[in-house]
Amino acid sequence: MSAVLPVYRRSDIAISRGEGVYLFSEDNDCYLDFAAGIAVNSLGHCHPHVVAALKSQADKLWHCSNMYQLDQLDQFAQRLTDACFADKVFFTNSGAEAVECGLKILRKYHDFNKNPERYRVITMEGGFHGRSFACISAGGNEVARDGYGPLLDGFDRVEFNNLAAVESAVTPETAAILVEPVQGEGGIREATPEFLQGLRKIADRYGLLLFIDEVQCGMGRTGSLFAYEQAGITPDIVSSAKGIGNGFPLGACLMTQKVANCMSTGTHGSTYGSNPLAMAVGNAVLDIMLAGGFFQHVAKTGALLKKELEKIVHEFPSLFSEVRGRGLILGVKVRQGYGIENANHILVGKLREEGLLTSAAQDNMIRITPPLIIGQEHILEATAIMRKTFSDIKWN
């Protein structure tokens, strides 16, 4: 029996190495990876430029704490903020830490501005923000919350994509609105541009901060560096992780100068955050992502993949009802009504047996988040595996 705490739904496959968009087991079986570590391996496995940057830095310096100047840190921070809305950034080791940082800062912001009574955050049903106490308290994932009560106070959940519900939840104690532009774990549900634009207006009207969680849908996955850009809005805080490090533990909490003004020496910190290894990897990832044509490639291949998935839904109407998402954060909804629990998990397992890796999400979704470097040939390979797999499915 394994000594690992059994909190993950692990298959029997033992992965030994990765190359590009493929993973290989210890038995040398090959798998087309359309899960990408749950939207983490944005540049695929063992990308040569990222590997070279990590190896080079490993020969120089791993850790020295944040008590010293680090050129890689300043470089990465400047490049990342120059590419988006932000003026300042705090680097973390994970998405949950990036969200926690944002939650702390939004409270600090209102205290700094003489409004300490403002501490509550409006969040969305179906939202997922990580596994820490604050994150599960903010989120709407009942499985993640079950058994951990009483949860932390300070969060008011409302219906996703419902501006009236958001505005009605605002009170004199409200500090911010927290939303994912695309709910990944929550079922690949998109916030409409009108909803995000409306949230910005509500935040401005009531003096709230708009906190956008892009841990899963950010870093190029929707066809732009961040998904909020496509709604034409400017957030106050953004949390980022997953694809930002291509598999190296790295996250970021980005913010405007107006928000950052409340933070000073000692108000937040991280022992490992912004260590030289992470900064080297982050810079290498940006080298690729900020190169001309990268986001256009994601948008183009994402549109093609969505079109092919819609064909799959049309061909197997008894199994699937719709395709959701944009760019390369997509999902296929498994139909309900078969009396089968976790039907999406069953189909994810069947696809894995045929050599295609996907993942499951809430609302009976098969989540499809391949590396952002896939080409047409990988899309055709994946959909061919799907057709073969689904043709053999017979619900009892």
Protein backbone atom coordinates (compact mmCIF):
# COMPACT_ATOMS: atom_id res chain seq x y z
CA MET A 1 0.00 0.00 0.00
CA SER A 2 1.31 3.44 -0.94
CA ALA A 3 2.35 5.87 1.78
CA VAL A 4 0.87 8.72 -0.29
CA LEU A 5 -2.27 10.27 1.19
CA PRO A 6 -5.14 8.97 -1.02
CA VAL A 7 -6.64 12.32 -2.00
CA TYR A 8 -6.11 11.94 -5.75
CA ARG A 9 -7.97 9.79 -8.25
CA ARG A 10 -4.83 8.13 -9.62
CA SER A 11 -4.83 5.70 -12.54
CA ASP A 12 -2.56 2.67 -12.71
CA ILE A 13 -0.33 4.30 -15.32
CA ALA A 14 3.18 5.12 -14.11
CA ILE A 15 4.46 8.07 -16.18
CA SER A 16 8.21 8.10 -16.65
CA ARG A 17 8.94 10.85 -19.18
CA GLY A 18 7.42 13.46 -21.45
CA GLU A 19 8.28 14.92 -24.82
CA GLY A 20 6.35 17.75 -26.43
CA VAL A 21 2.64 16.89 -26.34
CA TYR A 22 3.24 13.23 -25.43
CA LEU A 23 3.76 11.34 -22.19
CA PHE A 24 5.33 7.89 -21.88
CA SER A 25 4.75 5.23 -19.23
CA GLU A 26 7.36 3.02 -17.62
CA ASP A 27 6.15 0.34 -20.06
CA ASN A 28 6.88 2.82 -22.88
CA ASP A 29 3.23 3.22 -23.80
CA CYS A 30 2.63 6.58 -25.51
CA TYR A 31 -0.17 8.98 -24.55
CA LEU A 32 -1.31 12.13 -26.32
CA ASP A 33 -1.58 14.61 -23.47
CA PHE A 34 -4.70 16.77 -23.79
CA ALA A 35 -4.79 17.39 -20.03
CA ALA A 36 -1.36 19.05 -19.72
CA GLY A 37 -1.21 18.55 -15.97
CA ILE A 38 -4.60 20.31 -15.69
CA ALA A 39 -3.65 23.28 -17.88
CA VAL A 40 -0.11 23.51 -16.46
CA ASN A 41 2.23 22.31 -19.22
CA SER A 42 1.48 25.22 -21.50
CA LEU A 43 4.56 24.60 -23.66
CA GLY A 44 4.36 20.82 -23.46
CA HIS A 45 6.83 18.52 -21.77
CA CYS A 46 10.56 19.20 -21.62
CA HIS A 47 10.45 22.25 -23.88
CA PRO A 48 14.11 22.67 -24.86
CA HIS A 49 14.26 26.42 -24.18
CA VAL A 50 12.72 26.07 -20.72
CA VAL A 51 14.85 23.05 -19.86
CA ALA A 52 18.01 24.89 -20.91
CA ALA A 53 17.08 27.90 -18.75
CA LEU A 54 16.43 25.71 -15.71
CA LYS A 55 19.65 23.74 -16.14
CA SER A 56 21.68 26.90 -16.56
CA GLN A 57 20.23 28.47 -13.42
CA ALA A 58 20.62 25.22 -11.45
CA ASP A 59 24.38 25.44 -11.97
CA LYS A 60 24.45 28.99 -10.54
CA LEU A 61 22.00 29.55 -7.70
CA TRP A 62 18.88 27.85 -6.36
CA HIS A 63 17.90 29.88 -3.32
CA CYS A 64 19.15 32.80 -1.30
CA SER A 65 15.89 34.30 0.06
CA ASN A 66 14.27 37.60 -0.81
CA MET A 67 16.69 39.59 1.33
CA TYR A 68 18.89 40.27 -1.71
CA GLN A 69 18.60 41.75 -5.17
CA LEU A 70 17.93 39.24 -7.95
CA ASP A 71 18.24 40.36 -11.55
CA GLN A 72 16.03 37.51 -12.78
CA LEU A 73 13.27 38.58 -10.39
CA ASP A 74 13.28 42.21 -11.52
CA GLN A 75 13.43 41.17 -15.16
CA PHE A 76 10.54 38.73 -14.91
CA ALA A 77 8.41 41.17 -12.91
CA GLN A 78 8.96 43.97 -15.41
CA ARG A 79 8.28 41.82 -18.46
CA LEU A 80 5.11 40.35 -16.99
CA THR A 81 3.66 43.67 -15.82
CA ASP A 82 4.59 45.36 -19.11
CA ALA A 83 2.53 42.71 -20.92
CA CYS A 84 -0.69 43.31 -18.95
CA PHE A 85 -2.63 45.77 -16.80
CA ALA A 86 -0.42 45.47 -13.73
CA ASP A 87 2.14 47.76 -12.16
CA LYS A 88 3.31 45.41 -9.39
CA VAL A 89 3.52 41.64 -8.87
CA PHE A 90 4.15 39.26 -5.99
CA PHE A 91 5.45 35.81 -6.94
CA THR A 92 4.22 32.68 -5.20
CA ASN A 93 4.68 28.91 -5.47
CA SER A 94 1.11 28.04 -6.47
CA GLY A 95 -2.25 29.32 -7.62
CA ALA A 96 -3.80 29.01 -4.18
CA GLU A 97 -1.04 31.18 -2.74
CA ALA A 98 -1.61 33.74 -5.49
CA VAL A 99 -5.32 33.87 -4.61
CA GLU A 100 -4.53 34.06 -0.88
CA CYS A 101 -2.19 36.96 -1.59
CA GLY A 102 -4.95 38.77 -3.46
CA LEU A 103 -7.48 38.15 -0.69
CA LYS A 104 -5.10 39.55 1.90
CA ILE A 105 -4.25 42.57 -0.22
CA LEU A 106 -7.87 43.53 -0.91
CA ARG A 107 -8.51 43.65 2.85
CA LYS A 108 -5.29 45.56 3.42
CA TYR A 109 -6.29 48.01 0.69
CA HIS A 110 -9.54 48.96 2.39
CA ASP A 111 -7.93 49.14 5.83
CA PHE A 112 -5.19 51.37 4.38
CA ASN A 113 -7.87 53.63 2.90
CA LYS A 114 -9.67 53.94 6.26
CA ASN A 115 -12.47 51.52 5.43
CA PRO A 116 -11.64 48.54 7.69
CA GLU A 117 -15.31 47.49 7.77
CA ARG A 118 -14.97 46.45 4.14
CA TYR A 119 -13.79 42.86 4.14
CA ARG A 120 -16.43 40.73 2.42
CA VAL A 121 -15.92 39.35 -1.10
CA ILE A 122 -18.65 38.50 -3.60
CA THR A 123 -17.80 35.19 -5.30
CA MET A 124 -19.52 32.96 -7.86
CA GLU A 125 -21.39 29.69 -7.68
CA GLY A 126 -19.25 27.04 -9.35
CA GLY A 127 -16.08 28.99 -8.68
CA PHE A 128 -12.87 27.26 -7.70
CA HIS A 129 -9.90 29.16 -6.27
CA GLY A 130 -7.67 26.55 -4.67
CA ARG A 131 -7.48 24.28 -1.63
CA SER A 132 -6.48 26.53 1.27
CA PHE A 133 -9.08 27.46 3.90
CA ALA A 134 -9.71 30.88 2.39
CA CYS A 135 -9.83 29.43 -1.11
CA ILE A 136 -12.39 26.72 -0.34
CA SER A 137 -14.39 29.24 1.67
CA ALA A 138 -14.46 31.53 -1.37
CA GLY A 139 -15.19 28.76 -3.86
CA GLY A 140 -18.40 26.98 -4.67
CA ASN A 141 -17.07 23.44 -5.02
CA GLU A 142 -18.99 21.38 -2.45
CA VAL A 143 -16.64 18.39 -2.68
CA ALA A 144 -13.66 20.60 -1.83
CA ARG A 145 -15.59 22.14 1.09
CA ASP A 146 -17.19 19.03 2.57
CA GLY A 147 -16.04 18.19 6.09
CA TYR A 148 -13.98 21.36 6.60
CA GLY A 149 -16.57 23.47 8.36
CA PRO A 150 -16.98 25.89 9.83
CA LEU A 151 -15.51 27.71 6.85
CA LEU A 152 -14.07 31.20 7.00
CA ASP A 153 -16.51 34.08 7.04
CA GLY A 154 -16.32 36.91 4.54
CA PHE A 155 -17.59 35.41 1.27
CA ASP A 156 -20.98 35.87 -0.37
CA ARG A 157 -21.62 33.55 -3.33
CA VAL A 158 -24.03 34.54 -6.08
CA GLU A 159 -25.15 33.11 -9.41
CA PHE A 160 -22.49 33.19 -12.13
CA ASN A 161 -23.23 35.53 -15.07
CA ASN A 162 -26.00 37.29 -13.12
CA LEU A 163 -25.23 40.98 -12.69
CA ALA A 164 -28.42 41.68 -10.76
CA ALA A 165 -27.46 39.04 -8.19
CA VAL A 166 -24.01 40.57 -7.82
CA GLU A 167 -25.31 44.09 -7.31
CA SER A 168 -27.93 42.94 -4.83
CA ALA A 169 -25.19 41.29 -2.76
CA VAL A 170 -23.23 44.51 -2.31
CA THR A 171 -23.34 45.86 1.24
CA PRO A 172 -21.34 48.48 3.17
CA GLU A 173 -19.03 45.60 4.18
CA THR A 174 -18.26 44.50 0.61
CA ALA A 175 -14.63 44.92 -0.40
CA ALA A 176 -14.31 43.15 -3.76
CA ILE A 177 -15.70 40.86 -6.43
CA LEU A 178 -13.81 37.65 -7.25
CA VAL A 179 -14.47 35.87 -10.55
CA GLU A 180 -12.91 33.46 -13.06
CA PRO A 181 -13.37 34.53 -16.72
CA VAL A 182 -13.64 30.82 -17.49
CA GLN A 183 -14.54 28.46 -14.68
CA GLY A 184 -12.23 25.50 -15.22
CA GLU A 185 -12.95 23.15 -12.33
CA GLY A 186 -16.52 24.44 -12.28
CA GLY A 187 -17.33 22.98 -15.69
CA ILE A 188 -15.65 25.15 -18.39
CA ARG A 189 -18.26 27.86 -17.98
CA GLU A 190 -17.45 31.22 -19.56
CA ALA A 191 -18.25 34.60 -18.10
CA THR A 192 -19.87 36.64 -20.84
CA PRO A 193 -18.10 39.86 -21.90
CA GLU A 194 -21.17 41.75 -20.73
CA PHE A 195 -20.93 40.14 -17.30
CA LEU A 196 -17.27 41.06 -16.86
CA GLN A 197 -17.89 44.58 -18.13
CA GLY A 198 -20.83 44.87 -15.74
CA LEU A 199 -18.68 43.70 -12.83
CA ARG A 200 -16.18 46.45 -13.59
CA LYS A 201 -18.99 49.02 -13.54
CA ILE A 202 -20.41 47.69 -10.27
CA ALA A 203 -16.96 47.72 -8.69
CA ASP A 204 -16.42 51.32 -9.78
CA ARG A 205 -19.90 52.37 -8.65
CA TYR A 206 -19.47 51.04 -5.11
CA GLY A 207 -15.73 51.51 -4.62
CA LEU A 208 -14.91 47.78 -4.79
CA LEU A 209 -11.88 45.98 -6.18
CA LEU A 210 -12.31 43.62 -9.13
CA PHE A 211 -10.24 40.47 -8.53
CA ILE A 212 -9.88 38.20 -11.57
CA ASP A 213 -8.72 34.62 -10.94
CA GLU A 214 -6.85 33.41 -14.04
CA VAL A 215 -4.91 30.58 -12.45
CA GLN A 216 -6.34 28.09 -14.94
CA CYS A 217 -7.54 30.17 -17.89
CA GLY A 218 -4.65 32.64 -18.03
CA MET A 219 -1.18 32.64 -19.58
CA GLY A 220 -2.32 32.34 -23.16
CA ARG A 221 -4.88 29.58 -22.77
CA THR A 222 -7.79 31.54 -24.23
CA GLY A 223 -5.79 33.12 -27.06
CA SER A 224 -4.53 36.19 -25.20
CA LEU A 225 -2.11 36.48 -22.30
CA PHE A 226 -5.08 36.84 -19.94
CA ALA A 227 -8.74 36.12 -20.64
CA TYR A 228 -9.98 39.40 -19.10
CA GLU A 229 -8.40 41.27 -22.04
CA GLN A 230 -11.04 39.91 -24.41
CA ALA A 231 -13.77 41.70 -22.44
CA GLY A 232 -11.96 45.03 -22.74
CA ILE A 233 -11.74 45.62 -18.99
CA THR A 234 -8.99 46.48 -16.54
CA PRO A 235 -8.99 44.49 -13.27
CA ASP A 236 -7.45 45.62 -9.99
CA ILE A 237 -5.94 42.25 -9.03
CA VAL A 238 -5.23 39.09 -11.05
CA SER A 239 -4.04 35.72 -9.76
CA SER A 240 -1.99 33.57 -12.12
CA ALA A 241 -0.21 30.21 -11.92
CA LYS A 242 -0.33 26.84 -13.75
CA GLY A 243 0.89 27.71 -17.27
CA ILE A 244 3.15 30.49 -16.03
CA GLY A 245 5.86 27.97 -15.03
CA ASN A 246 5.15 25.13 -17.48
CA GLY A 247 5.22 22.68 -14.58
CA PHE A 248 7.66 24.42 -12.26
CA PRO A 249 5.87 25.55 -9.06
CA LEU A 250 5.21 29.23 -9.76
CA GLY A 251 2.35 31.67 -9.30
CA ALA A 252 1.84 35.41 -9.41
CA CYS A 253 -0.48 37.97 -7.86
CA LEU A 254 -0.63 41.02 -10.12
CA MET A 255 -2.09 44.39 -9.18
CA THR A 256 -2.33 48.06 -10.06
CA GLN A 257 -0.21 50.68 -8.32
CA LYS A 258 -3.35 51.98 -6.60
CA VAL A 259 -3.76 48.60 -4.90
CA ALA A 260 -0.05 48.06 -4.30
CA ASN A 261 0.23 51.34 -2.36
CA CYS A 262 -1.17 49.60 0.71
CA MET A 263 1.67 47.08 0.90
CA SER A 264 4.98 47.77 2.62
CA THR A 265 7.89 45.88 4.16
CA GLY A 266 6.69 42.94 6.25
CA THR A 267 3.04 43.01 5.15
CA HIS A 268 3.39 39.81 3.11
CA GLY A 269 6.09 37.33 2.17
CA SER A 270 7.11 33.87 0.97
CA THR A 271 10.24 31.87 1.73
CA TYR A 272 10.39 30.15 -1.66
CA GLY A 273 8.45 32.66 -3.73
CA SER A 274 10.51 34.29 -6.52
CA ASN A 275 13.45 31.92 -6.03
CA PRO A 276 16.04 32.05 -8.85
CA LEU A 277 14.99 28.71 -10.37
CA ALA A 278 11.37 29.85 -10.68
CA MET A 279 12.37 33.21 -12.12
CA ALA A 280 14.58 31.57 -14.75
CA VAL A 281 11.73 29.29 -15.80
CA GLY A 282 9.19 32.12 -15.81
CA ASN A 283 11.39 34.25 -18.04
CA ALA A 284 11.92 31.32 -20.40
CA VAL A 285 8.16 30.73 -20.65
CA LEU A 286 7.62 34.40 -21.46
CA ASP A 287 10.31 34.21 -24.15
CA ILE A 288 8.08 31.77 -26.01
CA MET A 289 4.68 33.23 -25.20
CA LEU A 290 5.55 36.83 -26.03
CA ALA A 291 7.11 35.90 -29.36
CA GLY A 292 5.11 37.08 -32.36
CA GLY A 293 2.21 34.85 -33.36
CA PHE A 294 2.03 32.69 -30.23
CA PHE A 295 -1.40 33.81 -29.02
CA GLN A 296 -2.73 33.85 -32.58
CA HIS A 297 -1.66 30.21 -32.86
CA VAL A 298 -3.58 29.36 -29.68
CA ALA A 299 -6.70 31.11 -30.95
CA LYS A 300 -6.48 29.38 -34.32
CA THR A 301 -5.87 25.87 -32.99
CA GLY A 302 -8.45 26.41 -30.27
CA ALA A 303 -11.09 27.31 -32.85
CA LEU A 304 -10.19 24.23 -34.90
CA LEU A 305 -10.31 21.95 -31.85
CA LYS A 306 -13.67 23.36 -30.79
CA LYS A 307 -15.05 22.80 -34.29
CA GLU A 308 -13.86 19.19 -34.27
CA LEU A 309 -15.30 18.61 -30.80
CA GLU A 310 -18.65 19.97 -31.96
CA LYS A 311 -18.55 17.34 -34.70
CA ILE A 312 -17.97 14.69 -32.03
CA VAL A 313 -21.00 15.94 -30.08
CA HIS A 314 -23.10 15.83 -33.26
CA GLU A 315 -21.93 12.29 -34.04
CA PHE A 316 -22.62 10.99 -30.51
CA PRO A 317 -25.76 12.85 -29.40
CA SER A 318 -26.71 10.14 -26.91
CA LEU A 319 -23.45 10.71 -25.03
CA PHE A 320 -22.85 14.47 -25.25
CA SER A 321 -24.89 17.65 -25.24
CA GLU A 322 -22.50 20.54 -25.89
CA VAL A 323 -18.97 21.92 -26.15
CA ARG A 324 -17.92 24.76 -23.87
CA GLY A 325 -14.95 27.08 -23.61
CA ARG A 326 -12.62 29.00 -25.87
CA GLY A 327 -9.03 28.86 -26.97
CA LEU A 328 -7.50 25.73 -25.50
CA ILE A 329 -9.60 25.49 -22.34
CA LEU A 330 -12.49 23.42 -23.63
CA GLY A 331 -14.92 20.84 -22.34
CA VAL A 332 -17.48 18.34 -23.62
CA LYS A 333 -20.57 17.86 -21.45
CA VAL A 334 -21.65 14.26 -20.89
CA ARG A 335 -25.41 13.81 -20.95
CA GLN A 336 -27.19 13.03 -17.72
CA GLY A 337 -29.94 10.46 -17.26
CA TYR A 338 -28.14 7.13 -17.52
CA GLY A 339 -28.19 6.48 -13.79
CA ILE A 340 -24.39 6.35 -13.88
CA GLU A 341 -22.42 8.33 -11.32
CA ASN A 342 -19.27 10.09 -12.50
CA ALA A 343 -19.98 9.30 -16.17
CA ASN A 344 -17.38 11.86 -17.23
CA HIS A 345 -14.73 10.09 -15.12
CA ILE A 346 -15.66 6.81 -16.80
CA LEU A 347 -15.20 8.31 -20.26
CA VAL A 348 -11.94 9.98 -19.25
CA GLY A 349 -10.73 6.51 -18.22
CA LYS A 350 -11.86 4.97 -21.52
CA LEU A 351 -9.98 7.66 -23.48
CA ARG A 352 -6.88 7.02 -21.38
CA GLU A 353 -7.03 3.32 -22.24
CA GLU A 354 -6.92 4.31 -25.92
CA GLY A 355 -3.97 6.67 -25.47
CA LEU A 356 -5.60 10.09 -24.98
CA LEU A 357 -5.26 11.94 -21.67
CA THR A 358 -8.00 14.34 -20.58
CA SER A 359 -9.40 15.25 -17.16
CA ALA A 360 -12.79 15.53 -15.50
CA ALA A 361 -14.43 18.68 -14.20
CA GLN A 362 -17.64 19.57 -12.39
CA ASP A 363 -21.01 19.52 -14.17
CA ASN A 364 -20.18 16.17 -15.82
CA MET A 365 -17.57 17.69 -18.11
CA ILE A 366 -14.65 16.10 -19.90
CA ARG A 367 -12.05 18.85 -19.63
CA ILE A 368 -9.69 19.31 -22.58
CA THR A 369 -6.67 21.53 -21.91
CA PRO A 370 -3.81 20.47 -24.21
CA PRO A 371 -0.42 22.17 -24.39
CA LEU A 372 -0.68 25.47 -26.23
CA ILE A 373 1.83 24.27 -28.81
CA ILE A 374 -0.43 21.61 -30.38
CA GLY A 375 -0.93 21.58 -34.13
CA GLN A 376 -3.64 20.38 -36.48
CA GLU A 377 -2.12 16.92 -36.58
CA HIS A 378 -2.54 16.53 -32.82
CA ILE A 379 -6.17 17.66 -32.99
CA LEU A 380 -6.92 15.10 -35.69
CA GLU A 381 -5.11 12.41 -33.69
CA ALA A 382 -7.09 13.24 -30.56
CA THR A 383 -10.49 13.30 -32.27
CA ALA A 384 -9.73 10.02 -34.05
CA ILE A 385 -9.11 8.42 -30.64
CA MET A 386 -12.36 9.94 -29.37
CA ARG A 387 -14.36 8.49 -32.26
CA LYS A 388 -12.86 5.05 -31.75
CA THR A 389 -13.48 5.19 -28.00
CA PHE A 390 -17.00 6.54 -28.07
CA SER A 391 -18.11 4.15 -30.81
CA ASP A 392 -17.54 1.32 -28.36
CA ILE A 393 -19.47 2.91 -25.47
CA LYS A 394 -22.77 1.28 -24.56
CA TRP A 395 -24.53 2.58 -21.44
CA ASN A 396 -26.51 -0.17 -19.70
